[in-house]
């Protein structure tokens, strides 16, 4: 699914290292033949993820022949399993939104989603229909998430996805393929950050630089409570496909050189979308490794 996702947006050598025995990795029971990715915590006992939107009879909904992606939320058991998952409630007046990833603001009052333009907010001028952008919405009782607005720094010429907050809620990390100037993307997609200012305003997007980004593709950023940035990249010298990397953010906001996580977190297939709990001793990620249920599967781990 991640290869299809790369194609739909813009995000479209092996080393014989031994496995790190400090990690225990388990395939989640929620997996089936459909993709599951885009993980993000909702507090300490809930989780949000992306998968296909299903009709009441269990069939995948499609628009223009393409399956529709949406976000789900579920409870996390003590063992790490996802239970009682349901689609996140979004105001039906917005129509069917194709949502590839989402995150809640730390105060839980806003949701940030990566989606495509609809007839109600199509920008003027030329742009690619396949481009994604970021929107923010608010929750209204009895209605669900609503009043979505495109973030002001999103240029319709480019694609934006995978929003993720710093723990203090003052910085939004995301993936984009912005071109031009000091922020220009090095490869197919880079990881950026933008300051969240007062009165729902934003600073200017900042490319995280060569310590994080490469001439390949980077995506799915997540900043842990100890200021470690986890992300996926298909740069050379990986195990295969997309691998999960980490980079420590210093006090001054700069990043240390990225390093690849060991097996069994990574595999010779696509591994991405890693999240970590507040204690940094367990978390989850998605992978298309052998032995899964079919497509991108959710795995949970402890260390």
Protein backbone atom coordinates (compact mmCIF):
# COMPACT_ATOMS: atom_id res chain seq x y z
CA UNK A 1 0.00 0.00 0.00
CA UNK A 2 2.82 2.44 0.72
CA UNK A 3 3.99 2.16 -2.91
CA UNK A 4 0.45 2.93 -4.10
CA UNK A 5 0.33 5.82 -1.65
CA UNK A 6 3.63 7.17 -2.98
CA UNK A 7 2.21 7.06 -6.50
CA UNK A 8 -1.04 8.75 -5.55
CA UNK A 9 0.72 11.64 -3.85
CA UNK A 10 4.41 12.38 -4.46
CA UNK A 11 5.80 10.01 -1.96
CA UNK A 12 5.35 7.66 -4.73
CA UNK A 13 21.62 -2.90 -0.70
CA UNK A 14 20.98 -5.18 2.25
CA UNK A 15 23.05 -5.54 5.41
CA UNK A 16 23.28 -8.78 7.34
CA UNK A 17 22.93 -7.22 10.78
CA UNK A 18 21.68 -9.38 13.63
CA UNK A 19 18.37 -8.60 15.25
CA UNK A 20 18.25 -6.44 18.37
CA UNK A 21 16.91 -8.77 21.04
CA UNK A 22 15.84 -5.81 23.23
CA UNK A 23 12.78 -5.32 20.99
CA UNK A 24 9.73 -7.58 21.14
CA UNK A 25 7.52 -7.13 18.05
CA UNK A 26 3.96 -8.49 17.65
CA UNK A 27 1.56 -8.40 14.70
CA UNK A 28 -1.72 -6.77 15.78
CA UNK A 29 -4.93 -8.77 15.60
CA UNK A 30 -6.67 -5.84 13.91
CA UNK A 31 -4.87 -6.51 10.63
CA UNK A 32 -6.58 -8.02 7.59
CA UNK A 33 -6.12 -7.85 3.81
CA UNK A 34 -6.47 -4.04 3.88
CA UNK A 35 -3.69 -1.53 4.73
CA UNK A 36 -3.30 -0.12 8.24
CA UNK A 37 -0.88 2.76 8.77
CA UNK A 38 -0.67 6.42 9.85
CA UNK A 39 -0.51 5.64 13.57
CA UNK A 40 -0.94 8.39 16.16
CA UNK A 41 -1.71 8.24 19.88
CA UNK A 42 -4.87 9.81 21.30
CA UNK A 43 -3.84 10.20 24.92
CA UNK A 44 -2.50 7.18 26.79
CA UNK A 45 -5.16 4.58 25.97
CA UNK A 46 -6.41 5.35 22.45
CA UNK A 47 -4.86 5.25 19.01
CA UNK A 48 -5.73 6.59 15.56
CA UNK A 49 -4.80 4.97 12.25
CA UNK A 50 -5.61 5.04 8.54
CA UNK A 51 -7.31 2.32 6.49
CA UNK A 52 -9.89 1.92 3.75
CA UNK A 53 -13.34 3.39 4.26
CA UNK A 54 -15.87 0.56 4.29
CA UNK A 55 -19.56 0.52 3.47
CA UNK A 56 -22.14 -1.01 5.82
CA UNK A 57 -21.76 -4.35 4.03
CA UNK A 58 -17.99 -4.29 4.46
CA UNK A 59 -17.00 -3.33 0.91
CA UNK A 60 -14.29 -0.76 0.20
CA UNK A 61 -15.72 2.58 -0.88
CA UNK A 62 -14.19 4.06 -4.03
CA UNK A 63 -14.08 7.44 -5.77
CA UNK A 64 -13.12 7.48 -9.42
CA UNK A 65 -12.19 3.82 -9.15
CA UNK A 66 -9.71 4.45 -6.31
CA UNK A 67 -10.27 3.20 -2.75
CA UNK A 68 -11.01 5.90 -0.18
CA UNK A 69 -8.78 6.17 2.86
CA UNK A 70 -10.10 7.40 6.19
CA UNK A 71 -9.05 7.54 9.84
CA UNK A 72 -10.14 5.21 12.62
CA UNK A 73 -9.77 5.34 16.38
CA UNK A 74 -9.68 2.49 18.86
CA UNK A 75 -8.87 1.62 22.44
CA UNK A 76 -5.44 0.30 23.37
CA UNK A 77 -5.36 -2.74 25.63
CA UNK A 78 -2.63 -3.24 28.22
CA UNK A 79 -0.97 -5.68 25.84
CA UNK A 80 -0.98 -3.18 22.95
CA UNK A 81 -3.90 -4.57 20.94
CA UNK A 82 -6.34 -2.15 19.25
CA UNK A 83 -9.94 -2.79 20.26
CA UNK A 84 -13.38 -1.43 19.31
CA UNK A 85 -12.08 0.59 16.37
CA UNK A 86 -14.54 2.86 14.54
CA UNK A 87 -14.21 5.54 11.86
CA UNK A 88 -13.49 8.97 13.31
CA UNK A 89 -16.71 11.00 13.16
CA UNK A 90 -16.47 13.74 10.53
CA UNK A 91 -19.28 16.11 9.62
CA UNK A 92 -21.08 14.61 6.61
CA UNK A 93 -21.49 18.09 5.11
CA UNK A 94 -17.84 17.93 4.11
CA UNK A 95 -18.60 14.95 1.87
CA UNK A 96 -16.32 11.93 1.63
CA UNK A 97 -12.79 13.06 2.44
CA UNK A 98 -9.83 10.95 1.31
CA UNK A 99 -7.65 11.21 4.45
CA UNK A 100 -4.20 9.63 4.45
CA UNK A 101 -3.06 10.67 7.94
CA UNK A 102 -4.13 12.78 10.91
CA UNK A 103 -3.15 13.98 14.36
CA UNK A 104 -4.82 15.75 17.27
CA UNK A 105 -3.46 18.89 18.86
CA UNK A 106 -2.06 18.19 22.36
CA UNK A 107 -5.10 19.84 23.95
CA UNK A 108 -7.42 17.60 21.90
CA UNK A 109 -9.42 20.54 20.54
CA UNK A 110 -8.25 20.40 16.92
CA UNK A 111 -7.59 17.71 14.36
CA UNK A 112 -5.07 18.12 11.55
CA UNK A 113 -5.61 15.95 8.47
CA UNK A 114 -3.86 15.30 5.16
CA UNK A 115 -6.45 15.21 2.41
CA UNK A 116 -7.19 16.28 -1.17
CA UNK A 117 -9.06 19.33 -2.39
CA UNK A 118 -12.81 19.00 -2.98
CA UNK A 119 -15.20 21.05 -5.08
CA UNK A 120 -15.83 23.31 -2.08
CA UNK A 121 -12.20 24.37 -1.61
CA UNK A 122 -10.50 23.83 -4.96
CA UNK A 123 -7.82 26.49 -5.43
CA UNK A 124 -7.77 28.76 -8.44
CA UNK A 125 -5.25 28.17 -11.20
CA UNK A 126 -3.45 25.00 -12.21
CA UNK A 127 -2.58 22.31 -9.69
CA UNK A 128 -2.41 18.52 -9.55
CA UNK A 129 -5.62 16.83 -8.42
CA UNK A 130 -3.45 14.15 -6.82
CA UNK A 131 -1.77 16.69 -4.51
CA UNK A 132 -2.56 16.46 -0.82
CA UNK A 133 -2.62 19.33 1.65
CA UNK A 134 -3.17 19.89 5.39
CA UNK A 135 -6.41 21.05 6.96
CA UNK A 136 -7.42 21.79 10.55
CA UNK A 137 -10.86 21.17 12.02
CA UNK A 138 -12.63 21.48 15.35
CA UNK A 139 -14.96 19.13 17.22
CA UNK A 140 -18.64 20.01 17.68
CA UNK A 141 -20.82 17.80 19.89
CA UNK A 142 -23.42 15.91 17.90
CA UNK A 143 -21.71 16.81 14.61
CA UNK A 144 -18.17 15.48 14.85
CA UNK A 145 -15.04 17.07 13.42
CA UNK A 146 -16.04 20.00 11.26
CA UNK A 147 -15.23 23.53 10.06
CA UNK A 148 -12.11 22.33 8.23
CA UNK A 149 -9.78 24.98 6.84
CA UNK A 150 -6.71 24.60 4.63
CA UNK A 151 -3.54 25.59 6.50
CA UNK A 152 -2.36 28.94 5.11
CA UNK A 153 1.18 27.83 4.26
CA UNK A 154 0.00 25.03 1.94
CA UNK A 155 0.81 25.94 -1.66
CA UNK A 156 -1.46 23.95 -4.05
CA UNK A 157 1.51 23.40 -6.39
CA UNK A 158 2.99 21.01 -3.80
CA UNK A 159 1.86 18.11 -1.63
CA UNK A 160 1.77 18.02 2.17
CA UNK A 161 1.07 15.06 4.46
CA UNK A 162 1.74 13.23 7.74
CA UNK A 163 1.17 15.98 10.35
CA UNK A 164 2.67 15.39 13.81
CA UNK A 165 3.00 17.69 16.84
CA UNK A 166 5.79 18.39 19.25
CA UNK A 167 4.72 17.52 22.81
CA UNK A 168 4.30 21.20 23.73
CA UNK A 169 2.03 21.81 20.73
CA UNK A 170 4.15 24.70 19.47
CA UNK A 171 5.56 22.97 16.39
CA UNK A 172 3.93 20.98 13.61
CA UNK A 173 6.06 18.48 11.68
CA UNK A 174 4.94 17.28 8.25
CA UNK A 175 6.09 15.83 4.92
CA UNK A 176 6.14 17.90 1.75
CA UNK A 177 7.78 18.36 -1.65
CA UNK A 178 8.14 22.14 -1.50
CA UNK A 179 10.53 23.50 -4.13
CA UNK A 180 12.58 26.67 -4.27
CA UNK A 181 14.80 28.69 -1.95
CA UNK A 182 16.39 27.52 1.29
CA UNK A 183 13.46 25.18 2.09
CA UNK A 184 13.58 23.28 -1.20
CA UNK A 185 13.05 19.54 -1.01
CA UNK A 186 16.24 17.50 -1.54
CA UNK A 187 14.56 14.34 -2.80
CA UNK A 188 11.07 13.11 -3.60
CA UNK A 189 9.77 14.39 -0.25
CA UNK A 190 11.34 15.91 2.86
CA UNK A 191 10.32 16.48 6.47
CA UNK A 192 9.52 20.06 7.47
CA UNK A 193 8.38 21.89 10.58
CA UNK A 194 6.42 25.07 11.13
CA UNK A 195 5.90 27.14 14.28
CA UNK A 196 2.33 27.44 15.57
CA UNK A 197 1.80 31.02 16.69
CA UNK A 198 -0.98 32.85 18.51
CA UNK A 199 -4.51 33.20 17.12
CA UNK A 200 -4.20 30.10 14.93
CA UNK A 201 -1.44 31.58 12.79
CA UNK A 202 1.73 29.88 11.58
CA UNK A 203 5.34 30.72 10.86
CA UNK A 204 7.14 29.78 7.65
CA UNK A 205 7.86 26.11 6.88
CA UNK A 206 11.43 25.06 7.62
CA UNK A 207 13.22 22.14 6.00
CA UNK A 208 14.86 19.98 8.71
CA UNK A 209 18.06 19.80 6.68
CA UNK A 210 20.59 17.18 5.72
CA UNK A 211 20.83 15.57 9.18
CA UNK A 212 17.29 14.26 8.58
CA UNK A 213 16.50 14.56 4.87
CA UNK A 214 18.26 12.86 1.95
CA UNK A 215 18.04 12.76 -1.83
CA UNK A 216 15.48 9.98 -1.46
CA UNK A 217 12.05 10.17 0.23
CA UNK A 218 11.36 10.90 3.90
CA UNK A 219 7.91 10.63 5.43
CA UNK A 220 5.81 9.91 8.57
CA UNK A 221 7.62 12.04 11.19
CA UNK A 222 6.96 11.51 14.90
CA UNK A 223 8.65 13.43 17.72
CA UNK A 224 8.82 11.43 20.97
CA UNK A 225 8.69 12.84 24.49
CA UNK A 226 12.50 12.77 24.70
CA UNK A 227 12.76 14.86 21.50
CA UNK A 228 13.80 12.00 19.25
CA UNK A 229 12.44 12.32 15.72
CA UNK A 230 11.40 9.01 14.17
CA UNK A 231 10.68 8.88 10.45
CA UNK A 232 10.76 6.60 7.40
CA UNK A 233 13.12 6.85 4.44
CA UNK A 234 13.99 4.77 1.38
CA UNK A 235 17.55 6.15 1.19
CA UNK A 236 20.39 3.85 0.10
CA UNK A 237 22.05 1.38 2.50
CA UNK A 238 18.83 0.41 4.19
CA UNK A 239 17.49 -3.07 4.84
CA UNK A 240 15.05 -2.74 1.93
CA UNK A 241 12.12 -0.52 0.92
CA UNK A 242 11.34 2.15 3.50
CA UNK A 243 13.19 1.87 6.81
CA UNK A 244 12.62 3.65 10.11
CA UNK A 245 15.29 6.10 11.25
CA UNK A 246 15.75 8.31 14.28
CA UNK A 247 17.45 11.65 14.88
CA UNK A 248 17.86 13.41 18.22
CA UNK A 249 16.69 17.02 18.35
CA UNK A 250 19.04 19.23 20.34
CA UNK A 251 18.01 22.05 22.69
CA UNK A 252 18.68 24.62 19.96
CA UNK A 253 16.36 22.81 17.55
CA UNK A 254 19.09 21.33 15.38
CA UNK A 255 19.19 17.60 14.65
CA UNK A 256 21.91 15.02 15.06
CA UNK A 257 22.83 12.67 12.22
CA UNK A 258 20.11 10.12 11.53
CA UNK A 259 20.61 6.46 12.31
CA UNK A 260 18.70 3.43 11.14
CA UNK A 261 16.76 1.42 13.74
CA UNK A 262 17.76 -2.24 14.02
CA UNK A 263 15.83 -5.36 13.19
CA UNK A 264 13.21 -6.48 14.19
CA UNK A 265 11.80 -2.91 14.00
CA UNK A 266 13.07 -2.76 10.42
CA UNK A 267 12.84 -5.56 7.87
CA UNK A 268 13.66 -6.12 4.20
CA UNK A 269 10.22 -4.70 3.26
CA UNK A 270 8.57 -1.31 3.88
CA UNK A 271 8.62 -0.21 7.55
CA UNK A 272 7.23 3.19 8.50
CA UNK A 273 4.86 5.25 10.68
CA UNK A 274 6.52 4.53 14.05
CA UNK A 275 5.12 6.08 17.23
CA UNK A 276 6.39 5.84 20.82
CA UNK A 277 4.58 6.18 24.15
CA UNK A 278 5.41 8.83 26.75
CA UNK A 279 7.73 6.45 28.60
CA UNK A 280 9.57 5.56 25.37
CA UNK A 281 9.39 1.85 26.17
CA UNK A 282 6.65 0.71 23.78
CA UNK A 283 4.95 1.82 20.62
CA UNK A 284 3.75 0.79 17.19
CA UNK A 285 4.59 0.96 13.50
CA UNK A 286 3.42 -0.31 10.13
CA UNK A 287 5.19 -2.86 7.94
CA UNK A 288 4.68 -4.97 4.85
CA UNK A 289 7.10 -7.63 6.05
CA UNK A 290 6.64 -11.32 5.37
CA UNK A 291 4.21 -13.15 7.62
CA UNK A 292 1.68 -10.33 7.82
CA UNK A 293 -2.06 -10.42 7.16
CA UNK A 294 -1.85 -9.10 3.60
CA UNK A 295 -1.07 -5.41 3.12
CA UNK A 296 0.58 -2.87 5.44
CA UNK A 297 0.10 -4.27 8.95
CA UNK A 298 0.24 -2.61 12.35
CA UNK A 299 2.82 -4.05 14.74
CA UNK A 300 3.24 -3.12 18.38
CA UNK A 301 6.50 -3.45 20.25
CA UNK A 302 8.12 -3.21 23.66
CA UNK A 303 11.73 -2.69 24.58
